[in-house]
Amino acid sequence: MSIEQTIKDQISDNNILLYMKGSPQMPQCGFSAQVIQVLMQCGKRFAYVDVLSNPEIRANLPKVSDWPTFPQLFIDGELVGGCDIVTEMHENGELQPMLEKAAAEAE
């Protein structure tokens, strides 16, 4: 299986998926840490992939998502965005309903 197909499968298999540097318990960059804080505040379970320990994913995800930086949050198979977009959506109330809908679909 190609790495691009692996990425597409990860995105389709997880209703809420964060590609980040490090883990939720130990983020390895400030932007990843900020998105983790936002997701924790929203209180919904999510999957994550550490791009630092998966260099092939780190190299190929930007081609699949057409987004150059990390972290990258996917909800229901769609790229929501990176740190600034996720933080802004959380602050203006757009993110919580999206996460609740995706979490309900996963149950």
PDB file of N, CA and C in Angstrom:
ATOM      1  N   MET A   1       0.844  -1.175   0.000  1.00  0.00           N
ATOM      2  CA  MET A   1       0.000   0.000   0.000  1.00  0.00           C
ATOM      3  C   MET A   1       0.891   1.240   0.000  1.00  0.00           C
ATOM      4  N   SER A   2       0.519   2.231  -0.783  1.00  0.00           N
ATOM      5  CA  SER A   2       1.313   3.451  -0.848  1.00  0.00           C
ATOM      6  C   SER A   2       1.092   4.280   0.415  1.00  0.00           C
ATOM      7  N   ILE A   3       2.038   5.155   0.710  1.00  0.00           N
ATOM      8  CA  ILE A   3       1.913   6.021   1.879  1.00  0.00           C
ATOM      9  C   ILE A   3       0.732   6.972   1.709  1.00  0.00           C
ATOM     10  N   GLU A   4       0.475   7.402   0.473  1.00  0.00           N
ATOM     11  CA  GLU A   4      -0.687   8.265   0.227  1.00  0.00           C
ATOM     12  C   GLU A   4      -1.978   7.534   0.565  1.00  0.00           C
ATOM     13  N   GLN A   5      -2.064   6.250   0.217  1.00  0.00           N
ATOM     14  CA  GLN A   5      -3.266   5.473   0.533  1.00  0.00           C
ATOM     15  C   GLN A   5      -3.382   5.255   2.043  1.00  0.00           C
ATOM     16  N   THR A   6      -2.265   5.038   2.708  1.00  0.00           N
ATOM     17  CA  THR A   6      -2.276   4.903   4.166  1.00  0.00           C
ATOM     18  C   THR A   6      -2.844   6.167   4.811  1.00  0.00           C
ATOM     19  N   ILE A   7      -2.400   7.325   4.356  1.00  0.00           N
ATOM     20  CA  ILE A   7      -2.892   8.604   4.884  1.00  0.00           C
ATOM     21  C   ILE A   7      -4.388   8.739   4.626  1.00  0.00           C
ATOM     22  N   LYS A   8      -4.813   8.449   3.408  1.00  0.00           N
ATOM     23  CA  LYS A   8      -6.244   8.546   3.078  1.00  0.00           C
ATOM     24  C   LYS A   8      -7.076   7.601   3.943  1.00  0.00           C
ATOM     25  N   ASP A   9      -6.546   6.404   4.192  1.00  0.00           N
ATOM     26  CA  ASP A   9      -7.246   5.444   5.063  1.00  0.00           C
ATOM     27  C   ASP A   9      -7.324   5.965   6.496  1.00  0.00           C
ATOM     28  N   GLN A  10      -6.248   6.536   6.993  1.00  0.00           N
ATOM     29  CA  GLN A  10      -6.268   7.100   8.350  1.00  0.00           C
ATOM     30  C   GLN A  10      -7.336   8.182   8.456  1.00  0.00           C
ATOM     31  N   ILE A  11      -7.399   9.043   7.462  1.00  0.00           N
ATOM     32  CA  ILE A  11      -8.361  10.144   7.475  1.00  0.00           C
ATOM     33  C   ILE A  11      -9.785   9.611   7.406  1.00  0.00           C
ATOM     34  N   SER A  12     -10.031   8.616   6.566  1.00  0.00           N
ATOM     35  CA  SER A  12     -11.395   8.093   6.432  1.00  0.00           C
ATOM     36  C   SER A  12     -11.801   7.206   7.606  1.00  0.00           C
ATOM     37  N   ASP A  13     -10.829   6.589   8.286  1.00  0.00           N
ATOM     38  CA  ASP A  13     -11.131   5.677   9.390  1.00  0.00           C
ATOM     39  C   ASP A  13     -11.340   6.381  10.728  1.00  0.00           C
ATOM     40  N   ASN A  14     -11.021   7.663  10.817  1.00  0.00           N
ATOM     41  CA  ASN A  14     -11.115   8.404  12.083  1.00  0.00           C
ATOM     42  C   ASN A  14     -11.935   9.676  11.884  1.00  0.00           C
ATOM     43  N   ASN A  15     -13.048   9.781  12.592  1.00  0.00           N
ATOM     44  CA  ASN A  15     -13.919  10.950  12.431  1.00  0.00           C
ATOM     45  C   ASN A  15     -13.233  12.242  12.852  1.00  0.00           C
ATOM     46  N   ILE A  16     -12.377  12.159  13.866  1.00  0.00           N
ATOM     47  CA  ILE A  16     -11.604  13.313  14.316  1.00  0.00           C
ATOM     48  C   ILE A  16     -10.149  12.864  14.397  1.00  0.00           C
ATOM     49  N   LEU A  17      -9.308  13.451  13.557  1.00  0.00           N
ATOM     50  CA  LEU A  17      -7.908  13.027  13.454  1.00  0.00           C
ATOM     51  C   LEU A  17      -7.003  14.240  13.410  1.00  0.00           C
ATOM     52  N   LEU A  18      -5.986  14.225  14.258  1.00  0.00           N
ATOM     53  CA  LEU A  18      -5.008  15.301  14.291  1.00  0.00           C
ATOM     54  C   LEU A  18      -3.635  14.757  13.918  1.00  0.00           C
ATOM     55  N   TYR A  19      -3.065  15.332  12.873  1.00  0.00           N
ATOM     56  CA  TYR A  19      -1.658  15.075  12.543  1.00  0.00           C
ATOM     57  C   TYR A  19      -0.866  16.148  13.271  1.00  0.00           C
ATOM     58  N   MET A  20       0.036  15.731  14.141  1.00  0.00           N
ATOM     59  CA  MET A  20       0.733  16.681  14.996  1.00  0.00           C
ATOM     60  C   MET A  20       2.184  16.273  15.208  1.00  0.00           C
ATOM     61  N   LYS A  21       2.928  17.171  15.815  1.00  0.00           N
ATOM     62  CA  LYS A  21       4.299  16.872  16.214  1.00  0.00           C
ATOM     63  C   LYS A  21       4.271  16.472  17.682  1.00  0.00           C
ATOM     64  N   GLY A  22       4.602  15.212  17.943  1.00  0.00           N
ATOM     65  CA  GLY A  22       4.567  14.683  19.296  1.00  0.00           C
ATOM     66  C   GLY A  22       3.250  13.979  19.570  1.00  0.00           C
ATOM     67  N   SER A  23       2.896  13.903  20.855  1.00  0.00           N
ATOM     68  CA  SER A  23       1.660  13.239  21.276  1.00  0.00           C
ATOM     69  C   SER A  23       0.845  14.211  22.117  1.00  0.00           C
ATOM     70  N   PRO A  24      -0.433  13.909  22.344  1.00  0.00           N
ATOM     71  CA  PRO A  24      -1.230  14.795  23.199  1.00  0.00           C
ATOM     72  C   PRO A  24      -0.614  14.962  24.592  1.00  0.00           C
ATOM     73  N   GLN A  25       0.030  13.907  25.103  1.00  0.00           N
ATOM     74  CA  GLN A  25       0.657  13.982  26.417  1.00  0.00           C
ATOM     75  C   GLN A  25       1.976  14.763  26.384  1.00  0.00           C
ATOM     76  N   MET A  26       2.625  14.774  25.211  1.00  0.00           N
ATOM     77  CA  MET A  26       3.909  15.453  25.089  1.00  0.00           C
ATOM     78  C   MET A  26       4.054  16.072  23.690  1.00  0.00           C
ATOM     79  N   PRO A  27       3.336  17.176  23.442  1.00  0.00           N
ATOM     80  CA  PRO A  27       3.464  17.844  22.137  1.00  0.00           C
ATOM     81  C   PRO A  27       4.892  18.360  21.947  1.00  0.00           C
ATOM     82  N   GLN A  28       5.359  18.311  20.698  1.00  0.00           N
ATOM     83  CA  GLN A  28       6.738  18.698  20.404  1.00  0.00           C
ATOM     84  C   GLN A  28       6.841  20.039  19.690  1.00  0.00           C
ATOM     85  N   CYS A  29       5.735  20.783  19.625  1.00  0.00           N
ATOM     86  CA  CYS A  29       5.791  22.152  19.118  1.00  0.00           C
ATOM     87  C   CYS A  29       4.628  22.927  19.721  1.00  0.00           C
ATOM     88  N   GLY A  30       4.788  24.222  19.793  1.00  0.00           N
ATOM     89  CA  GLY A  30       3.775  25.073  20.401  1.00  0.00           C
ATOM     90  C   GLY A  30       2.440  25.042  19.679  1.00  0.00           C
ATOM     91  N   PHE A  31       2.470  24.951  18.362  1.00  0.00           N
ATOM     92  CA  PHE A  31       1.225  24.931  17.593  1.00  0.00           C
ATOM     93  C   PHE A  31       0.444  23.648  17.864  1.00  0.00           C
ATOM     94  N   SER A  32       1.150  22.520  17.909  1.00  0.00           N
ATOM     95  CA  SER A  32       0.489  21.252  18.239  1.00  0.00           C
ATOM     96  C   SER A  32      -0.075  21.315  19.656  1.00  0.00           C
ATOM     97  N   ALA A  33       0.671  21.885  20.583  1.00  0.00           N
ATOM     98  CA  ALA A  33       0.213  21.998  21.970  1.00  0.00           C
ATOM     99  C   ALA A  33      -1.056  22.838  22.053  1.00  0.00           C
ATOM    100  N   GLN A  34      -1.119  23.896  21.276  1.00  0.00           N
ATOM    101  CA  GLN A  34      -2.290  24.778  21.308  1.00  0.00           C
ATOM    102  C   GLN A  34      -3.528  24.054  20.772  1.00  0.00           C
ATOM    103  N   VAL A  35      -3.376  23.307  19.686  1.00  0.00           N
ATOM    104  CA  VAL A  35      -4.520  22.574  19.129  1.00  0.00           C
ATOM    105  C   VAL A  35      -4.972  21.487  20.107  1.00  0.00           C
ATOM    106  N   ILE A  36      -4.026  20.830  20.762  1.00  0.00           N
ATOM    107  CA  ILE A  36      -4.380  19.824  21.778  1.00  0.00           C
ATOM    108  C   ILE A  36      -5.201  20.471  22.885  1.00  0.00           C
ATOM    109  N   GLN A  37      -4.793  21.648  23.349  1.00  0.00           N
ATOM    110  CA  GLN A  37      -5.556  22.348  24.388  1.00  0.00           C
ATOM    111  C   GLN A  37      -6.985  22.614  23.934  1.00  0.00           C
ATOM    112  N   VAL A  38      -7.138  23.081  22.712  1.00  0.00           N
ATOM    113  CA  VAL A  38      -8.474  23.360  22.166  1.00  0.00           C
ATOM    114  C   VAL A  38      -9.303  22.078  22.128  1.00  0.00           C
ATOM    115  N   LEU A  39      -8.733  20.998  21.608  1.00  0.00           N
ATOM    116  CA  LEU A  39      -9.476  19.736  21.510  1.00  0.00           C
ATOM    117  C   LEU A  39      -9.837  19.205  22.894  1.00  0.00           C
ATOM    118  N   MET A  40      -8.936  19.330  23.852  1.00  0.00           N
ATOM    119  CA  MET A  40      -9.224  18.874  25.213  1.00  0.00           C
ATOM    120  C   MET A  40     -10.371  19.679  25.813  1.00  0.00           C
ATOM    121  N   GLN A  41     -10.389  20.977  25.562  1.00  0.00           N
ATOM    122  CA  GLN A  41     -11.474  21.824  26.070  1.00  0.00           C
ATOM    123  C   GLN A  41     -12.813  21.414  25.468  1.00  0.00           C
ATOM    124  N   CYS A  42     -12.784  20.947  24.228  1.00  0.00           N
ATOM    125  CA  CYS A  42     -14.023  20.539  23.558  1.00  0.00           C
ATOM    126  C   CYS A  42     -14.534  19.198  24.088  1.00  0.00           C
ATOM    127  N   GLY A  43     -13.641  18.396  24.660  1.00  0.00           N
ATOM    128  CA  GLY A  43     -14.053  17.188  25.359  1.00  0.00           C
ATOM    129  C   GLY A  43     -14.465  16.005  24.502  1.00  0.00           C
ATOM    130  N   LYS A  44     -14.039  15.947  23.260  1.00  0.00           N
ATOM    131  CA  LYS A  44     -14.376  14.819  22.387  1.00  0.00           C
ATOM    132  C   LYS A  44     -13.123  13.997  22.112  1.00  0.00           C
ATOM    133  N   ARG A  45     -13.314  12.680  22.051  1.00  0.00           N
ATOM    134  CA  ARG A  45     -12.184  11.785  21.746  1.00  0.00           C
ATOM    135  C   ARG A  45     -11.712  12.026  20.313  1.00  0.00           C
ATOM    136  N   PHE A  46     -10.407  11.926  20.128  1.00  0.00           N
ATOM    137  CA  PHE A  46      -9.833  12.091  18.795  1.00  0.00           C
ATOM    138  C   PHE A  46      -8.627  11.185  18.650  1.00  0.00           C
ATOM    139  N   ALA A  47      -8.326  10.860  17.416  1.00  0.00           N
ATOM    140  CA  ALA A  47      -7.122  10.090  17.094  1.00  0.00           C
ATOM    141  C   ALA A  47      -6.024  11.074  16.706  1.00  0.00           C
ATOM    142  N   TYR A  48      -4.784  10.607  16.805  1.00  0.00           N
ATOM    143  CA  TYR A  48      -3.681  11.463  16.379  1.00  0.00           C
ATOM    144  C   TYR A  48      -2.598  10.606  15.734  1.00  0.00           C
ATOM    145  N   VAL A  49      -1.797  11.271  14.910  1.00  0.00           N
ATOM    146  CA  VAL A  49      -0.619  10.655  14.313  1.00  0.00           C
ATOM    147  C   VAL A  49       0.546  11.604  14.566  1.00  0.00           C
ATOM    148  N   ASP A  50       1.605  11.069  15.158  1.00  0.00           N
ATOM    149  CA  ASP A  50       2.823  11.846  15.405  1.00  0.00           C
ATOM    150  C   ASP A  50       3.661  11.841  14.133  1.00  0.00           C
ATOM    151  N   VAL A  51       3.726  12.985  13.468  1.00  0.00           N
ATOM    152  CA  VAL A  51       4.468  13.051  12.205  1.00  0.00           C
ATOM    153  C   VAL A  51       5.978  13.007  12.420  1.00  0.00           C
ATOM    154  N   LEU A  52       6.435  13.280  13.642  1.00  0.00           N
ATOM    155  CA  LEU A  52       7.878  13.195  13.906  1.00  0.00           C
ATOM    156  C   LEU A  52       8.352  11.749  13.934  1.00  0.00           C
ATOM    157  N   SER A  53       7.502  10.846  14.408  1.00  0.00           N
ATOM    158  CA  SER A  53       7.897   9.435  14.434  1.00  0.00           C
ATOM    159  C   SER A  53       7.451   8.697  13.172  1.00  0.00           C
ATOM    160  N   ASN A  54       6.811   9.408  12.259  1.00  0.00           N
ATOM    161  CA  ASN A  54       6.372   8.845  10.972  1.00  0.00           C
ATOM    162  C   ASN A  54       6.844   9.756   9.841  1.00  0.00           C
ATOM    163  N   PRO A  55       8.155   9.727   9.532  1.00  0.00           N
ATOM    164  CA  PRO A  55       8.697  10.676   8.543  1.00  0.00           C
ATOM    165  C   PRO A  55       8.068  10.563   7.158  1.00  0.00           C
ATOM    166  N   GLU A  56       7.628   9.357   6.767  1.00  0.00           N
ATOM    167  CA  GLU A  56       6.978   9.228   5.454  1.00  0.00           C
ATOM    168  C   GLU A  56       5.649   9.970   5.433  1.00  0.00           C
ATOM    169  N   ILE A  57       4.912   9.884   6.520  1.00  0.00           N
ATOM    170  CA  ILE A  57       3.649  10.620   6.596  1.00  0.00           C
ATOM    171  C   ILE A  57       3.935  12.115   6.614  1.00  0.00           C
ATOM    172  N   ARG A  58       4.927  12.521   7.400  1.00  0.00           N
ATOM    173  CA  ARG A  58       5.287  13.941   7.465  1.00  0.00           C
ATOM    174  C   ARG A  58       5.647  14.485   6.084  1.00  0.00           C
ATOM    175  N   ALA A  59       6.348  13.688   5.294  1.00  0.00           N
ATOM    176  CA  ALA A  59       6.774  14.135   3.964  1.00  0.00           C
ATOM    177  C   ALA A  59       5.634  14.141   2.959  1.00  0.00           C
ATOM    178  N   ASN A  60       4.669  13.228   3.111  1.00  0.00           N
ATOM    179  CA  ASN A  60       3.639  13.061   2.079  1.00  0.00           C
ATOM    180  C   ASN A  60       2.284  13.663   2.414  1.00  0.00           C
ATOM    181  N   LEU A  61       1.983  13.891   3.682  1.00  0.00           N
ATOM    182  CA  LEU A  61       0.682  14.459   4.043  1.00  0.00           C
ATOM    183  C   LEU A  61       0.417  15.800   3.359  1.00  0.00           C
ATOM    184  N   PRO A  62       1.391  16.707   3.291  1.00  0.00           N
ATOM    185  CA  PRO A  62       1.106  17.977   2.608  1.00  0.00           C
ATOM    186  C   PRO A  62       0.666  17.804   1.149  1.00  0.00           C
ATOM    187  N   LYS A  63       1.116  16.755   0.484  1.00  0.00           N
ATOM    188  CA  LYS A  63       0.679  16.494  -0.893  1.00  0.00           C
ATOM    189  C   LYS A  63      -0.777  16.033  -0.914  1.00  0.00           C
ATOM    190  N   VAL A  64      -1.155  15.211   0.071  1.00  0.00           N
ATOM    191  CA  VAL A  64      -2.514  14.674   0.128  1.00  0.00           C
ATOM    192  C   VAL A  64      -3.501  15.759   0.543  1.00  0.00           C
ATOM    193  N   SER A  65      -3.124  16.547   1.549  1.00  0.00           N
ATOM    194  CA  SER A  65      -4.040  17.537   2.112  1.00  0.00           C
ATOM    195  C   SER A  65      -3.953  18.898   1.431  1.00  0.00           C
ATOM    196  N   ASP A  66      -2.904  19.123   0.672  1.00  0.00           N
ATOM    197  CA  ASP A  66      -2.646  20.423   0.055  1.00  0.00           C
ATOM    198  C   ASP A  66      -2.503  21.509   1.128  1.00  0.00           C
ATOM    199  N   TRP A  67      -1.886  21.125   2.239  1.00  0.00           N
ATOM    200  CA  TRP A  67      -1.648  22.041   3.371  1.00  0.00           C
ATOM    201  C   TRP A  67      -0.215  21.810   3.825  1.00  0.00           C
ATOM    202  N   PRO A  68       0.634  22.854   3.853  1.00  0.00           N
ATOM    203  CA  PRO A  68       2.069  22.639   4.030  1.00  0.00           C
ATOM    204  C   PRO A  68       2.570  22.440   5.462  1.00  0.00           C
ATOM    205  N   THR A  69       1.790  22.839   6.461  1.00  0.00           N
ATOM    206  CA  THR A  69       2.326  22.867   7.823  1.00  0.00           C
ATOM    207  C   THR A  69       1.577  21.913   8.751  1.00  0.00           C
ATOM    208  N   PHE A  70       2.133  21.738   9.949  1.00  0.00           N
ATOM    209  CA  PHE A  70       1.532  20.905  10.992  1.00  0.00           C
ATOM    210  C   PHE A  70       1.310  21.777  12.214  1.00  0.00           C
ATOM    211  N   PRO A  71       0.288  21.474  12.991  1.00  0.00           N
ATOM    212  CA  PRO A  71      -0.638  20.345  12.920  1.00  0.00           C
ATOM    213  C   PRO A  71      -1.696  20.533  11.834  1.00  0.00           C
ATOM    214  N   GLN A  72      -2.380  19.415  11.540  1.00  0.00           N
ATOM    215  CA  GLN A  72      -3.504  19.419  10.609  1.00  0.00           C
ATOM    216  C   GLN A  72      -4.646  18.645  11.253  1.00  0.00           C
ATOM    217  N   LEU A  73      -5.796  19.291  11.378  1.00  0.00           N
ATOM    218  CA  LEU A  73      -6.965  18.653  11.969  1.00  0.00           C
ATOM    219  C   LEU A  73      -7.960  18.279  10.871  1.00  0.00           C
ATOM    220  N   PHE A  74      -8.365  17.005  10.892  1.00  0.00           N
ATOM    221  CA  PHE A  74      -9.378  16.510   9.963  1.00  0.00           C
ATOM    222  C   PHE A  74     -10.616  16.125  10.763  1.00  0.00           C
ATOM    223  N   ILE A  75     -11.773  16.562  10.297  1.00  0.00           N
ATOM    224  CA  ILE A  75     -13.052  16.183  10.902  1.00  0.00           C
ATOM    225  C   ILE A  75     -13.926  15.632   9.784  1.00  0.00           C
ATOM    226  N   ASP A  76     -14.439  14.425  10.000  1.00  0.00           N
ATOM    227  CA  ASP A  76     -15.271  13.746   8.994  1.00  0.00           C
ATOM    228  C   ASP A  76     -14.611  13.726   7.619  1.00  0.00           C
ATOM    229  N   GLY A  77     -13.304  13.433   7.591  1.00  0.00           N
ATOM    230  CA  GLY A  77     -12.593  13.270   6.334  1.00  0.00           C
ATOM    231  C   GLY A  77     -12.179  14.555   5.644  1.00  0.00           C
ATOM    232  N   GLU A  78     -12.498  15.706   6.240  1.00  0.00           N
ATOM    233  CA  GLU A  78     -12.172  16.993   5.616  1.00  0.00           C
ATOM    234  C   GLU A  78     -11.137  17.728   6.449  1.00  0.00           C
ATOM    235  N   LEU A  79     -10.180  18.342   5.772  1.00  0.00           N
ATOM    236  CA  LEU A  79      -9.195  19.168   6.463  1.00  0.00           C
ATOM    237  C   LEU A  79      -9.881  20.416   6.989  1.00  0.00           C
ATOM    238  N   VAL A  80      -9.791  20.626   8.299  1.00  0.00           N
ATOM    239  CA  VAL A  80     -10.318  21.845   8.913  1.00  0.00           C
ATOM    240  C   VAL A  80      -9.255  22.935   8.831  1.00  0.00           C
ATOM    241  N   GLY A  81      -8.020  22.577   9.169  1.00  0.00           N
ATOM    242  CA  GLY A  81      -6.931  23.535   9.081  1.00  0.00           C
ATOM    243  C   GLY A  81      -5.878  23.277  10.129  1.00  0.00           C
ATOM    244  N   GLY A  82      -5.049  24.294  10.312  1.00  0.00           N
ATOM    245  CA  GLY A  82      -3.971  24.220  11.279  1.00  0.00           C
ATOM    246  C   GLY A  82      -4.317  24.989  12.540  1.00  0.00           C
ATOM    247  N   CYS A  83      -3.300  25.352  13.262  1.00  0.00           N
ATOM    248  CA  CYS A  83      -3.458  25.948  14.586  1.00  0.00           C
ATOM    249  C   CYS A  83      -4.306  27.222  14.567  1.00  0.00           C
ATOM    250  N   ASP A  84      -3.984  28.167  13.705  1.00  0.00           N
ATOM    251  CA  ASP A  84      -4.702  29.444  13.699  1.00  0.00           C
ATOM    252  C   ASP A  84      -6.181  29.255  13.379  1.00  0.00           C
ATOM    253  N   ILE A  85      -6.477  28.446  12.378  1.00  0.00           N
ATOM    254  CA  ILE A  85      -7.864  28.227  11.972  1.00  0.00           C
ATOM    255  C   ILE A  85      -8.627  27.495  13.072  1.00  0.00           C
ATOM    256  N   VAL A  86      -8.042  26.446  13.633  1.00  0.00           N
ATOM    257  CA  VAL A  86      -8.709  25.673  14.689  1.00  0.00           C
ATOM    258  C   VAL A  86      -8.971  26.564  15.902  1.00  0.00           C
ATOM    259  N   THR A  87      -7.981  27.368  16.293  1.00  0.00           N
ATOM    260  CA  THR A  87      -8.138  28.262  17.445  1.00  0.00           C
ATOM    261  C   THR A  87      -9.241  29.290  17.180  1.00  0.00           C
ATOM    262  N   GLU A  88      -9.239  29.875  16.002  1.00  0.00           N
ATOM    263  CA  GLU A  88     -10.261  30.867  15.647  1.00  0.00           C
ATOM    264  C   GLU A  88     -11.654  30.238  15.638  1.00  0.00           C
ATOM    265  N   MET A  89     -11.769  29.037  15.064  1.00  0.00           N
ATOM    266  CA  MET A  89     -13.069  28.358  15.025  1.00  0.00           C
ATOM    267  C   MET A  89     -13.559  28.023  16.432  1.00  0.00           C
ATOM    268  N   HIS A  90     -12.633  27.668  17.323  1.00  0.00           N
ATOM    269  CA  HIS A  90     -13.002  27.382  18.712  1.00  0.00           C
ATOM    270  C   HIS A  90     -13.503  28.654  19.399  1.00  0.00           C
ATOM    271  N   GLU A  91     -12.780  29.751  19.192  1.00  0.00           N
ATOM    272  CA  GLU A  91     -13.144  31.014  19.840  1.00  0.00           C
ATOM    273  C   GLU A  91     -14.486  31.547  19.365  1.00  0.00           C
ATOM    274  N   ASN A  92     -14.822  31.328  18.079  1.00  0.00           N
ATOM    275  CA  ASN A  92     -16.095  31.857  17.590  1.00  0.00           C
ATOM    276  C   ASN A  92     -17.233  30.833  17.628  1.00  0.00           C
ATOM    277  N   GLY A  93     -16.970  29.675  18.236  1.00  0.00           N
ATOM    278  CA  GLY A  93     -18.034  28.701  18.454  1.00  0.00           C
ATOM    279  C   GLY A  93     -18.333  27.753  17.308  1.00  0.00           C
ATOM    280  N   GLU A  94     -17.539  27.778  16.250  1.00  0.00           N
ATOM    281  CA  GLU A  94     -17.793  26.909  15.093  1.00  0.00           C
ATOM    282  C   GLU A  94     -17.271  25.484  15.289  1.00  0.00           C
ATOM    283  N   LEU A  95     -16.217  25.325  16.072  1.00  0.00           N
ATOM    284  CA  LEU A  95     -15.549  24.033  16.169  1.00  0.00           C
ATOM    285  C   LEU A  95     -16.345  23.019  16.991  1.00  0.00           C
ATOM    286  N   GLN A  96     -16.885  23.431  18.123  1.00  0.00           N
ATOM    287  CA  GLN A  96     -17.577  22.507  19.023  1.00  0.00           C
ATOM    288  C   GLN A  96     -18.696  21.730  18.326  1.00  0.00           C
ATOM    289  N   PRO A  97     -19.607  22.388  17.581  1.00  0.00           N
ATOM    290  CA  PRO A  97     -20.661  21.613  16.908  1.00  0.00           C
ATOM    291  C   PRO A  97     -20.120  20.614  15.879  1.00  0.00           C
ATOM    292  N   MET A  98     -19.052  20.976  15.202  1.00  0.00           N
ATOM    293  CA  MET A  98     -18.438  20.055  14.230  1.00  0.00           C
ATOM    294  C   MET A  98     -17.900  18.818  14.942  1.00  0.00           C
ATOM    295  N   LEU A  99     -17.223  19.033  16.072  1.00  0.00           N
ATOM    296  CA  LEU A  99     -16.663  17.918  16.833  1.00  0.00           C
ATOM    297  C   LEU A  99     -17.768  17.050  17.427  1.00  0.00           C
ATOM    298  N   GLU A 100     -18.828  17.673  17.925  1.00  0.00           N
ATOM    299  CA  GLU A 100     -19.927  16.915  18.511  1.00  0.00           C
ATOM    300  C   GLU A 100     -20.604  16.038  17.459  1.00  0.00           C
ATOM    301  N   LYS A 101     -20.816  16.582  16.279  1.00  0.00           N
ATOM    302  CA  LYS A 101     -21.432  15.822  15.183  1.00  0.00           C
ATOM    303  C   LYS A 101     -20.535  14.643  14.792  1.00  0.00           C
ATOM    304  N   ALA A 102     -19.231  14.896  14.634  1.00  0.00           N
ATOM    305  CA  ALA A 102     -18.303  13.836  14.239  1.00  0.00           C
ATOM    306  C   ALA A 102     -18.201  12.764  15.324  1.00  0.00           C
ATOM    307  N   ALA A 103     -18.191  13.168  16.589  1.00  0.00           N
ATOM    308  CA  ALA A 103     -18.094  12.218  17.694  1.00  0.00           C
ATOM    309  C   ALA A 103     -19.359  11.361  17.767  1.00  0.00           C
ATOM    310  N   ALA A 104     -20.508  11.968  17.531  1.00  0.00           N
ATOM    311  CA  ALA A 104     -21.770  11.215  17.556  1.00  0.00           C
ATOM    312  C   ALA A 104     -21.812  10.182  16.437  1.00  0.00           C
ATOM    313  N   GLU A 105     -21.274  10.538  15.280  1.00  0.00           N
ATOM    314  CA  GLU A 105     -21.239   9.599  14.150  1.00  0.00           C
ATOM    315  C   GLU A 105     -20.312   8.424  14.424  1.00  0.00           C
ATOM    316  N   ALA A 106     -19.294   8.649  15.244  1.00  0.00           N
ATOM    317  CA  ALA A 106     -18.310   7.596  15.531  1.00  0.00           C
ATOM    318  C   ALA A 106     -18.850   6.578  16.534  1.00  0.00           C
ATOM    319  N   GLU A 107     -19.878   6.933  17.289  1.00  0.00           N
ATOM    320  CA  GLU A 107     -20.397   6.040  18.334  1.00  0.00           C
ATOM    321  C   GLU A 107     -21.239   4.922  17.763  1.00  0.00           C
TER     322      GLU A 107
END
